[in-house]
Amino acid sequence: MNSHGECGKQWTGLRRAHCPACHETFNSDSAAEKHRRGTPGIDRRCLPPVEVGLVAVAQPWGTCWQTPGSGEPWFKNDQP
């Protein structure tokens, strides 16, 4: 289990990415980069993950944001 000392959030998995600015957790570096805008050191900022097309997936350790994919389990609430 990994954790971020500043916010205390925890997650598992070697590919996960945790944003040190907004403290959201993502399933990959590429998903995390989708929510960042601007130039590092100048005007870098976070956008809400849902605004950039990411979906929240409930994990035992908390929410993980990821890119949607057809037929994947994160769509289970939309299926009959």
N, C-alpha and C. Protein backbone atom coordinates (compact mmCIF):
# COMPACT_ATOMS: atom_id res chain seq x y z
N MET A 1 0.86 -1.18 0.00
CA MET A 1 0.00 0.00 0.00
C MET A 1 0.90 1.24 0.00
N ASN A 2 0.61 2.16 -0.90
CA ASN A 2 1.32 3.44 -0.97
C ASN A 2 0.47 4.50 -0.28
N SER A 3 1.11 5.54 0.18
CA SER A 3 0.36 6.64 0.78
C SER A 3 1.11 7.95 0.56
N HIS A 4 0.34 9.04 0.61
CA HIS A 4 0.91 10.38 0.44
C HIS A 4 0.95 11.02 1.83
N GLY A 5 2.13 11.38 2.26
CA GLY A 5 2.31 11.91 3.61
C GLY A 5 1.54 13.19 3.91
N GLU A 6 1.35 14.03 2.92
CA GLU A 6 0.68 15.31 3.15
C GLU A 6 -0.83 15.16 3.35
N CYS A 7 -1.47 14.34 2.51
CA CYS A 7 -2.93 14.21 2.60
C CYS A 7 -3.38 12.92 3.28
N GLY A 8 -2.50 11.94 3.36
CA GLY A 8 -2.85 10.67 4.01
C GLY A 8 -3.60 9.68 3.14
N LYS A 9 -3.91 10.05 1.88
CA LYS A 9 -4.61 9.11 1.00
C LYS A 9 -3.71 7.92 0.71
N GLN A 10 -4.36 6.75 0.53
CA GLN A 10 -3.63 5.53 0.23
C GLN A 10 -4.13 4.93 -1.07
N TRP A 11 -3.28 4.11 -1.71
CA TRP A 11 -3.64 3.41 -2.93
C TRP A 11 -2.72 2.23 -3.11
N THR A 12 -3.13 1.32 -3.99
CA THR A 12 -2.30 0.17 -4.34
C THR A 12 -2.04 0.19 -5.84
N GLY A 13 -1.03 -0.53 -6.25
CA GLY A 13 -0.72 -0.65 -7.67
C GLY A 13 0.50 0.15 -8.07
N LEU A 14 1.34 -0.45 -8.88
CA LEU A 14 2.58 0.20 -9.30
C LEU A 14 2.36 1.29 -10.33
N ARG A 15 1.28 1.23 -11.09
CA ARG A 15 1.03 2.21 -12.16
C ARG A 15 0.26 3.42 -11.69
N ARG A 16 -0.23 3.44 -10.50
CA ARG A 16 -1.06 4.55 -10.02
C ARG A 16 -0.26 5.85 -9.97
N ALA A 17 -0.98 6.96 -10.09
CA ALA A 17 -0.38 8.29 -9.98
C ALA A 17 -1.22 9.10 -9.00
N HIS A 18 -0.57 9.79 -8.09
CA HIS A 18 -1.26 10.63 -7.11
C HIS A 18 -0.80 12.06 -7.32
N CYS A 19 -1.75 12.97 -7.50
CA CYS A 19 -1.41 14.37 -7.75
C CYS A 19 -1.05 15.06 -6.44
N PRO A 20 0.14 15.62 -6.34
CA PRO A 20 0.54 16.30 -5.11
C PRO A 20 -0.13 17.66 -4.92
N ALA A 21 -0.80 18.17 -5.97
CA ALA A 21 -1.47 19.46 -5.88
C ALA A 21 -2.91 19.33 -5.40
N CYS A 22 -3.70 18.46 -6.07
CA CYS A 22 -5.13 18.34 -5.73
C CYS A 22 -5.43 17.07 -4.93
N HIS A 23 -4.46 16.18 -4.82
CA HIS A 23 -4.56 14.94 -4.04
C HIS A 23 -5.58 13.94 -4.56
N GLU A 24 -5.82 13.96 -5.87
CA GLU A 24 -6.63 12.92 -6.50
C GLU A 24 -5.69 11.79 -6.92
N THR A 25 -6.22 10.57 -7.01
CA THR A 25 -5.44 9.41 -7.41
C THR A 25 -5.95 8.93 -8.76
N PHE A 26 -5.01 8.57 -9.65
CA PHE A 26 -5.31 8.17 -11.02
C PHE A 26 -4.74 6.80 -11.29
N ASN A 27 -5.33 6.08 -12.25
CA ASN A 27 -4.87 4.73 -12.52
C ASN A 27 -3.57 4.69 -13.33
N SER A 28 -3.14 5.84 -13.88
CA SER A 28 -1.90 5.87 -14.66
C SER A 28 -1.40 7.31 -14.76
N ASP A 29 -0.15 7.44 -15.18
CA ASP A 29 0.42 8.77 -15.40
C ASP A 29 -0.34 9.50 -16.51
N SER A 30 -0.74 8.77 -17.55
CA SER A 30 -1.43 9.43 -18.66
C SER A 30 -2.79 9.96 -18.22
N ALA A 31 -3.50 9.24 -17.37
CA ALA A 31 -4.78 9.74 -16.85
C ALA A 31 -4.54 10.97 -15.98
N ALA A 32 -3.50 10.95 -15.17
CA ALA A 32 -3.19 12.09 -14.30
C ALA A 32 -2.84 13.32 -15.14
N GLU A 33 -2.09 13.14 -16.21
CA GLU A 33 -1.68 14.27 -17.05
C GLU A 33 -2.88 14.93 -17.73
N LYS A 34 -3.95 14.18 -17.97
CA LYS A 34 -5.13 14.75 -18.61
C LYS A 34 -5.77 15.85 -17.76
N HIS A 35 -5.60 15.79 -16.45
CA HIS A 35 -6.25 16.78 -15.59
C HIS A 35 -5.36 17.99 -15.29
N ARG A 36 -4.14 18.02 -15.81
CA ARG A 36 -3.21 19.12 -15.57
C ARG A 36 -3.16 20.04 -16.80
N ARG A 37 -3.17 21.33 -16.55
CA ARG A 37 -3.10 22.32 -17.63
C ARG A 37 -2.06 23.37 -17.26
N GLY A 38 -1.56 24.03 -18.28
CA GLY A 38 -0.60 25.11 -18.06
C GLY A 38 0.84 24.64 -18.10
N THR A 39 1.72 25.61 -17.94
CA THR A 39 3.16 25.37 -17.97
C THR A 39 3.70 25.17 -16.56
N PRO A 40 4.44 24.07 -16.32
CA PRO A 40 5.01 23.85 -14.98
C PRO A 40 5.83 25.05 -14.52
N GLY A 41 5.61 25.46 -13.29
CA GLY A 41 6.34 26.58 -12.72
C GLY A 41 5.79 27.95 -13.07
N ILE A 42 4.82 27.99 -13.98
CA ILE A 42 4.27 29.29 -14.40
C ILE A 42 2.79 29.38 -14.05
N ASP A 43 2.00 28.56 -14.72
CA ASP A 43 0.55 28.62 -14.48
C ASP A 43 -0.08 27.21 -14.41
N ARG A 44 0.70 26.24 -13.97
CA ARG A 44 0.22 24.84 -13.88
C ARG A 44 -0.92 24.75 -12.89
N ARG A 45 -1.98 24.05 -13.27
CA ARG A 45 -3.15 23.90 -12.39
C ARG A 45 -3.86 22.59 -12.69
N CYS A 46 -4.73 22.21 -11.78
CA CYS A 46 -5.53 20.99 -11.92
C CYS A 46 -6.94 21.35 -12.36
N LEU A 47 -7.49 20.52 -13.23
CA LEU A 47 -8.90 20.62 -13.61
C LEU A 47 -9.63 19.46 -12.95
N PRO A 48 -10.91 19.62 -12.66
CA PRO A 48 -11.65 18.49 -12.12
C PRO A 48 -11.57 17.31 -13.09
N PRO A 49 -11.24 16.12 -12.62
CA PRO A 49 -11.08 14.96 -13.51
C PRO A 49 -12.29 14.71 -14.41
N VAL A 50 -13.49 14.91 -13.90
CA VAL A 50 -14.68 14.66 -14.71
C VAL A 50 -14.75 15.63 -15.90
N GLU A 51 -14.22 16.82 -15.77
CA GLU A 51 -14.24 17.81 -16.85
C GLU A 51 -13.33 17.44 -18.01
N VAL A 52 -12.36 16.56 -17.77
CA VAL A 52 -11.46 16.15 -18.85
C VAL A 52 -11.78 14.73 -19.32
N GLY A 53 -12.96 14.23 -18.96
CA GLY A 53 -13.43 12.94 -19.47
C GLY A 53 -13.02 11.72 -18.69
N LEU A 54 -12.48 11.90 -17.49
CA LEU A 54 -12.11 10.75 -16.67
C LEU A 54 -13.31 10.29 -15.86
N VAL A 55 -13.32 9.02 -15.50
CA VAL A 55 -14.40 8.46 -14.70
C VAL A 55 -13.85 7.99 -13.36
N ALA A 56 -14.67 8.13 -12.34
CA ALA A 56 -14.28 7.71 -11.00
C ALA A 56 -14.63 6.24 -10.81
N VAL A 57 -13.69 5.49 -10.27
CA VAL A 57 -13.90 4.08 -9.97
C VAL A 57 -13.65 3.89 -8.48
N ALA A 58 -14.64 3.35 -7.79
CA ALA A 58 -14.49 3.10 -6.35
C ALA A 58 -13.59 1.89 -6.15
N GLN A 59 -12.57 2.07 -5.36
CA GLN A 59 -11.65 1.00 -4.99
C GLN A 59 -11.75 0.81 -3.48
N PRO A 60 -11.31 -0.32 -2.94
CA PRO A 60 -11.35 -0.51 -1.49
C PRO A 60 -10.60 0.58 -0.72
N TRP A 61 -9.59 1.17 -1.35
CA TRP A 61 -8.76 2.18 -0.69
C TRP A 61 -9.20 3.60 -1.02
N GLY A 62 -10.19 3.79 -1.90
CA GLY A 62 -10.68 5.13 -2.25
C GLY A 62 -11.00 5.25 -3.73
N THR A 63 -11.18 6.46 -4.19
CA THR A 63 -11.53 6.71 -5.58
C THR A 63 -10.29 6.76 -6.46
N CYS A 64 -10.40 6.15 -7.63
CA CYS A 64 -9.33 6.18 -8.62
C CYS A 64 -9.93 6.69 -9.92
N TRP A 65 -9.33 7.71 -10.51
CA TRP A 65 -9.82 8.28 -11.77
C TRP A 65 -9.11 7.62 -12.92
N GLN A 66 -9.89 7.31 -13.98
CA GLN A 66 -9.28 6.67 -15.14
C GLN A 66 -10.02 7.00 -16.42
N THR A 67 -9.39 6.70 -17.54
CA THR A 67 -9.99 6.91 -18.84
C THR A 67 -11.05 5.84 -19.06
N PRO A 68 -12.23 6.23 -19.53
CA PRO A 68 -13.27 5.23 -19.74
C PRO A 68 -12.95 4.31 -20.91
N GLY A 69 -13.51 3.12 -20.86
CA GLY A 69 -13.36 2.15 -21.95
C GLY A 69 -14.65 1.37 -22.08
N SER A 70 -15.04 1.05 -23.27
CA SER A 70 -16.32 0.37 -23.47
C SER A 70 -16.28 -1.03 -22.88
N GLY A 71 -17.38 -1.40 -22.24
CA GLY A 71 -17.53 -2.74 -21.71
C GLY A 71 -16.74 -3.02 -20.44
N GLU A 72 -16.13 -2.04 -19.87
CA GLU A 72 -15.34 -2.24 -18.66
C GLU A 72 -16.22 -2.17 -17.42
N PRO A 73 -15.76 -2.71 -16.31
CA PRO A 73 -16.60 -2.77 -15.10
C PRO A 73 -17.03 -1.43 -14.54
N TRP A 74 -16.34 -0.33 -14.86
CA TRP A 74 -16.74 0.96 -14.29
C TRP A 74 -18.05 1.46 -14.86
N PHE A 75 -18.58 0.79 -15.89
CA PHE A 75 -19.88 1.17 -16.42
C PHE A 75 -21.00 0.33 -15.84
N LYS A 76 -20.75 -0.44 -14.81
CA LYS A 76 -21.74 -1.37 -14.28
C LYS A 76 -23.02 -0.68 -13.85
N ASN A 77 -22.98 0.58 -13.42
CA ASN A 77 -24.20 1.29 -13.00
C ASN A 77 -25.07 1.66 -14.18
N ASP A 78 -24.51 1.71 -15.39
CA ASP A 78 -25.27 2.08 -16.58
C ASP A 78 -25.90 0.87 -17.28
N GLN A 79 -25.51 -0.32 -16.89
CA GLN A 79 -26.00 -1.52 -17.57
C GLN A 79 -27.21 -2.07 -16.86
N PRO A 80 -28.12 -2.73 -17.63
CA PRO A 80 -29.32 -3.29 -17.02
C PRO A 80 -29.03 -4.41 -16.04
